[in-house]
Protein backbone atom coordinates (compact mmCIF):
# COMPACT_ATOMS: atom_id res chain seq x y z
CA MET A 1 -19.56 -9.47 -2.56
CA LEU A 2 -21.08 -6.51 -4.01
CA VAL A 3 -18.77 -4.09 -6.01
CA LEU A 4 -20.08 0.02 -7.12
CA SER A 5 -18.36 1.57 -9.80
CA GLY A 6 -18.48 4.95 -10.85
CA ALA A 7 -16.68 7.21 -13.14
CA GLY A 8 -13.16 6.57 -11.70
CA LEU A 9 -13.35 2.96 -12.91
CA SER A 10 -13.63 3.68 -16.86
CA ALA A 11 -10.99 7.22 -16.47
CA ALA A 12 -8.29 5.05 -17.60
CA SER A 13 -10.00 3.83 -20.72
CA GLY A 14 -10.43 7.45 -21.72
CA VAL A 15 -14.45 7.43 -21.57
CA PRO A 16 -15.16 11.44 -21.64
CA THR A 17 -16.62 13.21 -18.52
CA PHE A 18 -19.51 15.28 -19.14
CA ARG A 19 -18.88 18.52 -18.48
CA ASP A 20 -15.47 20.65 -19.67
CA LYS A 21 -13.45 22.71 -17.63
CA ASP A 22 -16.02 25.22 -17.15
CA GLY A 23 -19.08 23.02 -16.49
CA LEU A 24 -20.40 23.09 -19.66
CA TRP A 25 -20.57 21.07 -23.24
CA GLU A 26 -20.29 23.26 -26.27
CA GLY A 27 -21.67 26.01 -24.52
CA HIS A 28 -24.78 24.28 -23.02
CA GLU A 29 -25.46 23.85 -19.38
CA VAL A 30 -25.22 20.03 -18.68
CA THR A 31 -29.14 20.66 -17.77
CA ASP A 32 -29.86 21.84 -21.11
CA VAL A 33 -29.06 18.40 -22.57
CA ALA A 34 -29.67 15.89 -19.28
CA THR A 35 -32.73 16.11 -18.01
CA PRO A 36 -36.46 15.41 -18.73
CA GLU A 37 -37.14 18.97 -19.52
CA ALA A 38 -34.66 19.55 -21.46
CA TRP A 39 -35.78 15.98 -23.77
CA PHE A 40 -39.13 17.88 -24.20
CA ARG A 41 -38.08 21.40 -25.02
CA ASP A 42 -35.08 19.97 -27.35
CA PRO A 43 -34.93 16.73 -28.68
CA GLU A 44 -32.25 17.58 -31.16
CA LEU A 45 -30.05 19.29 -29.18
CA VAL A 46 -30.14 16.11 -26.71
CA ARG A 47 -29.64 13.60 -28.97
CA ARG A 48 -26.70 15.06 -30.51
CA PHE A 49 -25.02 15.24 -27.18
CA TYR A 50 -25.58 11.38 -26.71
CA ASN A 51 -24.84 10.64 -30.33
CA GLU A 52 -21.38 12.41 -29.47
CA ARG A 53 -20.94 10.58 -26.39
CA ARG A 54 -21.41 6.91 -28.10
CA ILE A 55 -19.21 8.14 -30.89
CA ALA A 56 -16.46 9.34 -27.97
CA CYS A 57 -17.40 5.69 -25.98
CA GLN A 58 -17.15 3.15 -29.29
CA ALA A 59 -13.42 3.94 -29.72
CA THR A 60 -13.04 2.62 -25.76
CA GLU A 61 -11.75 -0.11 -24.55
CA PRO A 62 -12.04 -1.75 -20.54
CA ASN A 63 -9.03 -1.00 -18.63
CA THR A 64 -7.20 -3.70 -16.00
CA GLY A 65 -10.11 -2.26 -13.33
CA HIS A 66 -12.70 -3.60 -15.49
CA ARG A 67 -10.98 -6.85 -16.58
CA ALA A 68 -9.80 -7.58 -12.86
CA LEU A 69 -13.76 -7.40 -11.81
CA ALA A 70 -14.48 -9.65 -14.90
CA ALA A 71 -11.80 -12.11 -13.86
CA LEU A 72 -12.83 -12.13 -10.10
CA GLN A 73 -16.60 -12.62 -11.22
CA ALA A 74 -15.70 -15.32 -13.68
CA SER A 75 -13.56 -17.11 -10.94
CA LEU A 76 -16.19 -16.79 -7.96
CA GLY A 77 -19.82 -16.77 -10.07
CA ASN A 78 -21.92 -13.85 -10.87
CA GLU A 79 -23.88 -14.83 -7.85
CA ARG A 80 -21.30 -14.31 -5.58
CA VAL A 81 -19.91 -11.14 -6.99
CA ILE A 82 -22.80 -9.07 -7.76
CA LEU A 83 -21.66 -5.58 -9.75
CA VAL A 84 -23.50 -2.18 -9.92
CA THR A 85 -22.41 0.96 -11.50
CA GLN A 86 -23.23 4.21 -12.21
CA ASN A 87 -21.39 4.36 -16.08
CA ILE A 88 -23.31 4.26 -19.14
CA ASP A 89 -20.18 3.32 -20.98
CA GLY A 90 -20.77 -0.38 -21.03
CA LEU A 91 -17.12 -1.41 -20.39
CA LEU A 92 -17.56 -3.90 -17.51
CA GLN A 93 -19.96 -5.81 -19.79
CA LYS A 94 -17.16 -5.82 -22.98
CA ALA A 95 -14.87 -6.66 -20.36
CA GLY A 96 -16.53 -10.15 -19.94
CA CYS A 97 -18.84 -9.14 -16.84
CA LEU A 98 -22.28 -10.86 -16.47
CA ASN A 99 -25.52 -9.39 -14.78
CA VAL A 100 -24.33 -5.97 -14.50
CA ILE A 101 -26.55 -3.49 -12.68
CA GLU A 102 -26.64 -0.56 -14.33
CA MET A 103 -28.59 2.09 -12.05
CA HIS A 104 -27.88 5.65 -14.55
CA GLY A 105 -29.01 3.39 -17.96
CA SER A 106 -27.02 2.55 -21.03
CA LEU A 107 -25.60 4.74 -23.43
CA TRP A 108 -26.18 1.61 -26.33
CA LYS A 109 -29.84 1.38 -25.40
CA LEU A 110 -33.20 3.60 -26.18
CA ARG A 111 -36.15 3.51 -24.38
CA CYS A 112 -39.88 5.03 -24.88
CA GLU A 113 -40.27 8.32 -24.19
CA ALA A 114 -44.12 7.95 -22.87
CA SER A 115 -43.33 4.74 -20.85
CA SER A 116 -40.22 3.22 -19.24
CA GLU A 117 -42.31 -0.07 -19.04
CA HIS A 118 -42.07 -0.25 -22.73
CA PRO A 119 -39.32 -2.42 -23.95
CA ARG A 120 -35.85 -1.16 -24.63
CA ILE A 121 -33.94 -1.33 -27.66
CA GLN A 122 -30.12 -2.29 -28.09
CA PHE A 123 -28.60 0.63 -29.94
CA SER A 124 -25.19 1.90 -31.31
CA GLY A 125 -25.28 3.99 -33.85
CA ALA A 126 -26.64 7.48 -34.23
CA GLN A 127 -30.13 8.77 -33.18
CA THR A 128 -31.74 10.43 -35.55
CA GLY A 129 -35.54 11.05 -34.20
CA ALA A 130 -37.12 8.71 -36.79
CA GLU A 131 -36.58 5.81 -34.11
CA SER A 132 -40.65 4.94 -32.50
CA CYS A 133 -41.78 2.58 -29.20
CA THR A 134 -42.90 -0.63 -30.87
CA ILE A 135 -46.05 -0.64 -28.73
CA CYS A 136 -47.41 3.13 -28.58
CA ALA A 137 -45.29 4.47 -31.27
CA ALA A 138 -43.96 7.29 -29.41
CA ALA A 139 -40.42 8.59 -29.53
CA MET A 140 -37.61 6.78 -28.39
CA ARG A 141 -35.23 8.66 -25.87
CA PRO A 142 -31.42 7.65 -24.42
CA ASP A 143 -32.31 5.10 -21.86
CA VAL A 144 -30.26 7.25 -19.47
CA VAL A 145 -31.03 8.33 -15.62
CA TRP A 146 -31.51 12.58 -16.09
CA PHE A 147 -30.99 14.72 -12.92
CA GLY A 148 -34.20 14.67 -11.58
CA GLU A 149 -34.98 10.88 -12.55
CA GLN A 150 -34.56 7.75 -9.91
CA PRO A 151 -31.50 5.69 -10.71
CA TYR A 152 -32.84 2.44 -11.95
CA PHE A 153 -32.92 -1.02 -9.72
CA MET A 154 -32.82 0.72 -6.60
CA ALA A 155 -35.05 -1.89 -4.70
CA SER A 156 -32.47 -4.64 -6.28
CA ILE A 157 -29.57 -3.04 -5.22
CA ALA A 158 -31.15 -2.74 -1.63
CA GLU A 159 -32.15 -6.52 -1.33
CA ALA A 160 -28.39 -7.12 -2.66
CA ILE A 161 -26.74 -5.01 -0.20
CA SER A 162 -28.60 -6.42 3.09
CA ARG A 163 -27.18 -10.02 1.68
CA CYS A 164 -23.70 -8.72 1.44
CA GLY A 165 -20.41 -9.41 3.57
CA THR A 166 -18.52 -7.35 1.48
CA PHE A 167 -19.36 -3.81 -0.17
CA TRP A 168 -16.52 -2.16 -2.63
CA SER A 169 -16.78 1.19 -3.73
CA VAL A 170 -14.59 1.97 -6.81
CA GLY A 171 -13.93 5.03 -8.24
CA THR A 172 -17.42 6.94 -6.35
CA SER A 173 -17.46 9.21 -3.79
CA GLY A 174 -18.80 7.41 -0.52
CA LEU A 175 -20.38 10.72 0.52
CA VAL A 176 -22.83 11.32 -2.49
CA TYR A 177 -26.27 10.09 -2.45
CA PRO A 178 -27.49 7.38 -3.29
CA ALA A 179 -24.07 5.73 -3.01
CA ALA A 180 -23.54 6.94 0.71
CA GLY A 181 -26.76 5.56 1.51
CA PHE A 182 -25.21 1.87 -0.23
CA VAL A 183 -22.42 2.19 1.64
CA ARG A 184 -24.16 3.02 4.89
CA GLN A 185 -26.71 -0.12 4.61
CA ALA A 186 -23.73 -2.42 4.11
CA SER A 187 -21.75 -1.13 7.04
CA ALA A 188 -25.18 -1.17 9.14
CA MET A 189 -25.94 -4.90 7.98
CA GLY A 190 -22.36 -6.03 9.11
CA ALA A 191 -20.33 -5.57 5.76
CA LEU A 192 -16.87 -5.20 5.80
CA CYS A 193 -16.59 -2.01 3.26
CA LEU A 194 -13.55 -0.69 1.29
CA GLU A 195 -13.39 2.30 -0.96
CA VAL A 196 -10.95 2.25 -3.94
CA ASN A 197 -10.55 5.91 -4.66
CA PRO A 198 -7.39 8.21 -5.15
CA ASN A 199 -9.41 11.18 -3.08
CA PRO A 200 -11.09 9.19 -0.33
CA SER A 201 -14.54 10.24 1.16
CA GLY A 202 -13.81 7.95 4.24
CA GLY A 203 -17.41 7.97 6.30
CA PHE A 204 -18.61 4.82 6.51
CA PHE A 205 -15.77 2.68 5.41
CA HIS A 206 -13.25 0.24 7.06
CA ARG A 207 -10.89 0.58 4.54
CA VAL A 208 -9.73 2.56 2.36
CA VAL A 209 -7.31 1.92 -0.90
CA ALA A 210 -6.06 5.82 -1.79
CA GLU A 211 -5.49 4.41 -5.65
CA ASN A 212 -6.70 4.46 -9.37
CA ALA A 213 -8.98 1.74 -9.98
CA GLU A 214 -6.39 0.41 -12.51
CA THR A 215 -3.70 0.17 -10.32
CA ALA A 216 -5.61 -1.28 -7.32
CA LEU A 217 -8.02 -3.48 -8.60
CA PRO A 218 -5.79 -6.06 -10.26
CA ARG A 219 -4.03 -6.79 -7.19
CA LEU A 220 -7.19 -6.64 -4.42
CA THR A 221 -8.96 -9.15 -6.79
CA LYS A 222 -5.84 -11.49 -6.87
CA ALA A 223 -5.45 -11.19 -2.86
CA TRP A 224 -9.53 -11.86 -2.42
CA LEU A 225 -8.77 -15.05 -4.79
CA ASP A 226 -5.62 -16.25 -2.97
CA GLN A 227 -7.96 -16.30 0.03
CA SER A 228 -11.21 -17.80 -1.08
């Protein structure tokens, strides 16, 4: 089984979104704080944006959706329940999930601005600009995937999807790539595809549960375990 999760999984935990009702963050376009160009143009602004996000996320806790997935994985094993997330909040790990594939990176890590191959560092405080790469001494940037960058672990995700018999999409649209490509691939490989989303996208899903993740997942995971 492979479970892909998006922002809808963490909504009930109070994780703030990028944008306000006008699509702005403190008067800035998101592309001014979440692109490689923005980083090299005004790194202080970008650091401040992610510092604020860390502060906001530190106060959040996993909800019943996160905990249901953690219980499912604990019962069946992390080799049978593969968790892929578009979220950068770390709440799946906080709930006890293992080997979470963070395709958009993590709010709680920094990476070298010069090379994505250099070692990451765990980070939970406020970036000051003094942080530097242990290999080349370049500045460290948030280890998140920005607009225009390739999501992480795409080859590993594609390989995992090719082997899964069941594909769940939770709290993310099945119409937007790369998630749309994932469900297409899973369906083509014969996997049973289920969408949990209060605003269903339809498409290649065989079953749709039009509910919030925090209400649907405890019931769905219990039913899955009961039949396992």
